Amino acid sequence: MSPVPKRAGLLFDSGRMFYGRLPRAIVGGSALLLVGILLAIALTDALQSEPVAWTSISCALILITFLAFGFSRIQVLENEVRLRWFPFYRRRIPIAAIRRAAPATVHGLRYGFGLRFGAFGLGIIQDTGPAVQLDAGRGYLLSLGSADRQARFLAALAAAGVNVQRF
């Protein structure tokens, strides 16, 4: 099997970035709690008296399990930045629309995890640690998970012509 050729003009590819330790612990704890509630409902025959509870909690468990396997991917091409938060969000930002990029840090639960909207703009937050703030009309806060990935992302943006601010 031959290696997959690189796309022409691809300057950076984060690969699939899954949730870090803290978000996995939160999602895992939530799933265990819901499984416990479902077992309690089944063992106490509450299903007969409260079928809506069974259905609601089952749907919540399915949703949490589905979201637990979500990932983000960030790519820089010569003419655009591609953002993806599977399974719900895709965005292409033209390089010309990005006014500046700056390193940032995501601390604890300040922003939450997943696809977030706030005063910072739109955030794709998979973990705490190194991130990049893009100013492209509205802001984007992109967690990158490692200082190496953050440096490579900023270098790719600079190579594409974006004004990159350093600390």
C-alpha atoms as a PDB file:
ATOM      1  CA  MET A   1       0.000   0.000   0.000  1.00  0.00           C
ATOM      2  CA  SER A   2       1.533   3.328  -1.029  1.00  0.00           C
ATOM      3  CA  PRO A   3       1.575   6.323   1.332  1.00  0.00           C
ATOM      4  CA  VAL A   4      -1.149   8.908   0.886  1.00  0.00           C
ATOM      5  CA  PRO A   5       0.259  11.872  -1.052  1.00  0.00           C
ATOM      6  CA  LYS A   6       0.148  15.257   0.644  1.00  0.00           C
ATOM      7  CA  ARG A   7      -2.376  17.693  -0.707  1.00  0.00           C
ATOM      8  CA  ALA A   8      -0.926  20.480  -2.764  1.00  0.00           C
ATOM      9  CA  GLY A   9      -0.716  23.640  -0.698  1.00  0.00           C
ATOM     10  CA  LEU A  10      -1.246  21.934   2.685  1.00  0.00           C
ATOM     11  CA  LEU A  11       0.920  23.793   5.202  1.00  0.00           C
ATOM     12  CA  PHE A  12      -0.418  22.295   8.460  1.00  0.00           C
ATOM     13  CA  ASP A  13      -2.661  19.429   9.458  1.00  0.00           C
ATOM     14  CA  SER A  14      -3.391  18.825  13.133  1.00  0.00           C
ATOM     15  CA  GLY A  15      -4.734  15.365  12.475  1.00  0.00           C
ATOM     16  CA  ARG A  16      -7.670  14.191  14.535  1.00  0.00           C
ATOM     17  CA  MET A  17      -7.518  15.784  17.977  1.00  0.00           C
ATOM     18  CA  PHE A  18      -9.664  13.960  20.504  1.00  0.00           C
ATOM     19  CA  TYR A  19     -10.629  15.170  23.968  1.00  0.00           C
ATOM     20  CA  GLY A  20      -7.874  15.416  26.584  1.00  0.00           C
ATOM     21  CA  ARG A  21      -7.873  13.884  30.074  1.00  0.00           C
ATOM     22  CA  LEU A  22     -10.168  16.329  31.854  1.00  0.00           C
ATOM     23  CA  PRO A  23     -12.946  16.308  29.230  1.00  0.00           C
ATOM     24  CA  ARG A  24     -12.734  12.500  28.970  1.00  0.00           C
ATOM     25  CA  ALA A  25     -13.077  12.247  32.750  1.00  0.00           C
ATOM     26  CA  ILE A  26     -16.136  14.518  32.710  1.00  0.00           C
ATOM     27  CA  VAL A  27     -17.789  12.666  29.808  1.00  0.00           C
ATOM     28  CA  GLY A  28     -16.897   9.274  31.292  1.00  0.00           C
ATOM     29  CA  GLY A  29     -18.261  10.269  34.710  1.00  0.00           C
ATOM     30  CA  SER A  30     -21.481  11.516  33.124  1.00  0.00           C
ATOM     31  CA  ALA A  31     -21.896   8.297  31.156  1.00  0.00           C
ATOM     32  CA  LEU A  32     -21.313   6.177  34.282  1.00  0.00           C
ATOM     33  CA  LEU A  33     -23.859   8.252  36.202  1.00  0.00           C
ATOM     34  CA  LEU A  34     -26.452   7.756  33.471  1.00  0.00           C
ATOM     35  CA  VAL A  35     -25.753   4.013  33.299  1.00  0.00           C
ATOM     36  CA  GLY A  36     -26.249   3.859  37.083  1.00  0.00           C
ATOM     37  CA  ILE A  37     -29.558   5.695  36.804  1.00  0.00           C
ATOM     38  CA  LEU A  38     -30.698   3.362  34.023  1.00  0.00           C
ATOM     39  CA  LEU A  39     -29.802   0.346  36.176  1.00  0.00           C
ATOM     40  CA  ALA A  40     -31.717   1.819  39.121  1.00  0.00           C
ATOM     41  CA  ILE A  41     -34.760   2.387  36.905  1.00  0.00           C
ATOM     42  CA  ALA A  42     -34.562  -1.180  35.613  1.00  0.00           C
ATOM     43  CA  LEU A  43     -34.038  -2.758  39.052  1.00  0.00           C
ATOM     44  CA  THR A  44     -36.820  -0.820  40.805  1.00  0.00           C
ATOM     45  CA  ASP A  45     -39.454  -1.405  38.126  1.00  0.00           C
ATOM     46  CA  ALA A  46     -39.756   2.348  37.657  1.00  0.00           C
ATOM     47  CA  LEU A  47     -40.043   1.658  33.937  1.00  0.00           C
ATOM     48  CA  GLN A  48     -43.693   0.731  34.370  1.00  0.00           C
ATOM     49  CA  SER A  49     -44.547   3.973  36.154  1.00  0.00           C
ATOM     50  CA  GLU A  50     -42.108   6.319  34.365  1.00  0.00           C
ATOM     51  CA  PRO A  51     -41.430   5.224  30.754  1.00  0.00           C
ATOM     52  CA  VAL A  52     -40.525   8.804  29.822  1.00  0.00           C
ATOM     53  CA  ALA A  53     -37.639   8.764  32.317  1.00  0.00           C
ATOM     54  CA  TRP A  54     -36.216   5.594  30.753  1.00  0.00           C
ATOM     55  CA  THR A  55     -36.451   7.053  27.268  1.00  0.00           C
ATOM     56  CA  SER A  56     -35.013  10.447  28.255  1.00  0.00           C
ATOM     57  CA  ILE A  57     -32.046   9.021  30.117  1.00  0.00           C
ATOM     58  CA  SER A  58     -31.362   6.496  27.347  1.00  0.00           C
ATOM     59  CA  CYS A  59     -31.327   9.309  24.779  1.00  0.00           C
ATOM     60  CA  ALA A  60     -29.001  11.368  26.993  1.00  0.00           C
ATOM     61  CA  LEU A  61     -26.641   8.402  27.321  1.00  0.00           C
ATOM     62  CA  ILE A  62     -26.622   7.886  23.559  1.00  0.00           C
ATOM     63  CA  LEU A  63     -25.901  11.603  22.987  1.00  0.00           C
ATOM     64  CA  ILE A  64     -23.055  11.683  25.522  1.00  0.00           C
ATOM     65  CA  THR A  65     -21.552   8.527  24.041  1.00  0.00           C
ATOM     66  CA  PHE A  66     -21.826  10.026  20.543  1.00  0.00           C
ATOM     67  CA  LEU A  67     -20.173  13.282  21.658  1.00  0.00           C
ATOM     68  CA  ALA A  68     -17.412  11.395  23.471  1.00  0.00           C
ATOM     69  CA  PHE A  69     -16.075  10.282  20.100  1.00  0.00           C
ATOM     70  CA  GLY A  70     -16.091  13.790  18.611  1.00  0.00           C
ATOM     71  CA  PHE A  71     -12.810  15.220  17.382  1.00  0.00           C
ATOM     72  CA  SER A  72     -11.471  18.393  15.887  1.00  0.00           C
ATOM     73  CA  ARG A  73      -9.178  18.875  12.939  1.00  0.00           C
ATOM     74  CA  ILE A  74      -7.469  22.076  11.862  1.00  0.00           C
ATOM     75  CA  GLN A  75      -5.738  22.513   8.520  1.00  0.00           C
ATOM     76  CA  VAL A  76      -3.893  25.441   6.992  1.00  0.00           C
ATOM     77  CA  LEU A  77      -3.727  25.584   3.215  1.00  0.00           C
ATOM     78  CA  GLU A  78      -2.104  28.313   1.147  1.00  0.00           C
ATOM     79  CA  ASN A  79      -5.424  30.134   0.728  1.00  0.00           C
ATOM     80  CA  GLU A  80      -7.630  29.056   3.662  1.00  0.00           C
ATOM     81  CA  VAL A  81      -7.874  27.624   7.158  1.00  0.00           C
ATOM     82  CA  ARG A  82     -10.214  24.661   7.558  1.00  0.00           C
ATOM     83  CA  LEU A  83     -11.862  23.992  10.882  1.00  0.00           C
ATOM     84  CA  ARG A  84     -13.780  20.846  11.670  1.00  0.00           C
ATOM     85  CA  TRP A  85     -15.420  19.690  14.865  1.00  0.00           C
ATOM     86  CA  PHE A  86     -16.901  16.302  14.125  1.00  0.00           C
ATOM     87  CA  PRO A  87     -19.787  15.663  13.938  1.00  0.00           C
ATOM     88  CA  PHE A  88     -21.413  19.111  13.856  1.00  0.00           C
ATOM     89  CA  TYR A  89     -19.234  21.880  12.465  1.00  0.00           C
ATOM     90  CA  ARG A  90     -17.156  22.695   9.378  1.00  0.00           C
ATOM     91  CA  ARG A  91     -15.811  26.081   8.411  1.00  0.00           C
ATOM     92  CA  ARG A  92     -13.421  27.463   5.811  1.00  0.00           C
ATOM     93  CA  ILE A  93     -11.803  30.789   6.588  1.00  0.00           C
ATOM     94  CA  PRO A  94      -9.993  32.542   3.713  1.00  0.00           C
ATOM     95  CA  ILE A  95      -6.440  33.519   4.668  1.00  0.00           C
ATOM     96  CA  ALA A  96      -7.184  37.055   3.460  1.00  0.00           C
ATOM     97  CA  ALA A  97      -9.956  37.339   6.099  1.00  0.00           C
ATOM     98  CA  ILE A  98      -7.598  36.573   9.011  1.00  0.00           C
ATOM     99  CA  ARG A  99      -6.280  39.866  10.399  1.00  0.00           C
ATOM    100  CA  ARG A 100      -3.987  38.342  12.996  1.00  0.00           C
ATOM    101  CA  ALA A 101      -3.220  35.219  14.986  1.00  0.00           C
ATOM    102  CA  ALA A 102      -1.852  35.059  18.502  1.00  0.00           C
ATOM    103  CA  PRO A 103      -0.861  32.269  20.870  1.00  0.00           C
ATOM    104  CA  ALA A 104      -3.262  31.677  23.747  1.00  0.00           C
ATOM    105  CA  THR A 105      -3.788  29.216  26.568  1.00  0.00           C
ATOM    106  CA  VAL A 106      -6.958  27.394  27.573  1.00  0.00           C
ATOM    107  CA  HIS A 107      -7.170  27.025  31.354  1.00  0.00           C
ATOM    108  CA  GLY A 108      -9.357  24.394  33.034  1.00  0.00           C
ATOM    109  CA  LEU A 109     -13.084  24.754  32.568  1.00  0.00           C
ATOM    110  CA  ARG A 110     -13.054  28.488  31.817  1.00  0.00           C
ATOM    111  CA  TYR A 111     -14.345  27.942  28.290  1.00  0.00           C
ATOM    112  CA  GLY A 112     -15.863  24.471  28.567  1.00  0.00           C
ATOM    113  CA  PHE A 113     -15.141  21.764  26.015  1.00  0.00           C
ATOM    114  CA  GLY A 114     -16.290  21.011  22.498  1.00  0.00           C
ATOM    115  CA  LEU A 115     -17.743  23.605  20.173  1.00  0.00           C
ATOM    116  CA  ARG A 116     -18.192  26.758  22.275  1.00  0.00           C
ATOM    117  CA  PHE A 117     -19.582  30.238  21.661  1.00  0.00           C
ATOM    118  CA  GLY A 118     -18.612  33.145  23.917  1.00  0.00           C
ATOM    119  CA  ALA A 119     -17.065  36.595  24.164  1.00  0.00           C
ATOM    120  CA  PHE A 120     -13.918  35.143  22.543  1.00  0.00           C
ATOM    121  CA  GLY A 121     -15.942  34.172  19.450  1.00  0.00           C
ATOM    122  CA  LEU A 122     -16.209  30.540  18.464  1.00  0.00           C
ATOM    123  CA  GLY A 123     -14.048  28.022  20.260  1.00  0.00           C
ATOM    124  CA  ILE A 124     -13.058  24.528  19.297  1.00  0.00           C
ATOM    125  CA  ILE A 125     -11.839  23.322  22.664  1.00  0.00           C
ATOM    126  CA  GLN A 126     -10.607  19.738  22.941  1.00  0.00           C
ATOM    127  CA  ASP A 127      -8.229  20.119  25.893  1.00  0.00           C
ATOM    128  CA  THR A 128      -6.553  22.574  28.221  1.00  0.00           C
ATOM    129  CA  GLY A 129      -3.182  24.040  27.288  1.00  0.00           C
ATOM    130  CA  PRO A 130      -1.775  25.691  24.156  1.00  0.00           C
ATOM    131  CA  ALA A 131      -4.235  27.348  21.798  1.00  0.00           C
ATOM    132  CA  VAL A 132      -4.373  30.027  19.100  1.00  0.00           C
ATOM    133  CA  GLN A 133      -6.708  33.018  18.888  1.00  0.00           C
ATOM    134  CA  LEU A 134      -7.608  34.030  15.327  1.00  0.00           C
ATOM    135  CA  ASP A 135      -9.062  37.438  14.507  1.00  0.00           C
ATOM    136  CA  ALA A 136     -11.092  36.957  11.333  1.00  0.00           C
ATOM    137  CA  GLY A 137     -13.994  39.347  11.786  1.00  0.00           C
ATOM    138  CA  ARG A 138     -15.303  37.251  14.611  1.00  0.00           C
ATOM    139  CA  GLY A 139     -12.828  35.524  16.865  1.00  0.00           C
ATOM    140  CA  TYR A 140     -11.838  31.880  16.900  1.00  0.00           C
ATOM    141  CA  LEU A 141     -10.167  30.165  19.852  1.00  0.00           C
ATOM    142  CA  LEU A 142      -8.611  26.881  18.763  1.00  0.00           C
ATOM    143  CA  SER A 143      -7.101  24.498  21.306  1.00  0.00           C
ATOM    144  CA  LEU A 144      -4.178  22.555  19.913  1.00  0.00           C
ATOM    145  CA  GLY A 145      -3.201  20.257  22.773  1.00  0.00           C
ATOM    146  CA  SER A 146       0.595  20.698  22.611  1.00  0.00           C
ATOM    147  CA  ALA A 147       3.138  23.495  22.355  1.00  0.00           C
ATOM    148  CA  ASP A 148       4.710  21.790  19.314  1.00  0.00           C
ATOM    149  CA  ARG A 149       1.393  21.719  17.440  1.00  0.00           C
ATOM    150  CA  GLN A 150       0.762  25.360  18.421  1.00  0.00           C
ATOM    151  CA  ALA A 151       4.197  26.417  17.076  1.00  0.00           C
ATOM    152  CA  ARG A 152       3.688  24.499  13.803  1.00  0.00           C
ATOM    153  CA  PHE A 153       0.196  26.021  13.371  1.00  0.00           C
ATOM    154  CA  LEU A 154       1.487  29.569  13.928  1.00  0.00           C
ATOM    155  CA  ALA A 155       4.427  28.940  11.551  1.00  0.00           C
ATOM    156  CA  ALA A 156       2.022  27.700   8.861  1.00  0.00           C
ATOM    157  CA  LEU A 157      -0.177  30.778   9.306  1.00  0.00           C
ATOM    158  CA  ALA A 158       2.893  33.028   9.005  1.00  0.00           C
ATOM    159  CA  ALA A 159       3.984  31.159   5.855  1.00  0.00           C
ATOM    160  CA  ALA A 160       0.507  31.751   4.411  1.00  0.00           C
ATOM    161  CA  GLY A 161       0.831  35.491   5.027  1.00  0.00           C
ATOM    162  CA  VAL A 162      -1.082  35.971   8.291  1.00  0.00           C
ATOM    163  CA  ASN A 163       0.179  38.536  10.807  1.00  0.00           C
ATOM    164  CA  VAL A 164       1.281  36.295  13.699  1.00  0.00           C
ATOM    165  CA  GLN A 165       1.873  37.943  17.071  1.00  0.00           C
ATOM    166  CA  ARG A 166       4.262  36.237  19.454  1.00  0.00           C
ATOM    167  CA  PHE A 167       4.518  36.582  23.223  1.00  0.00           C
END
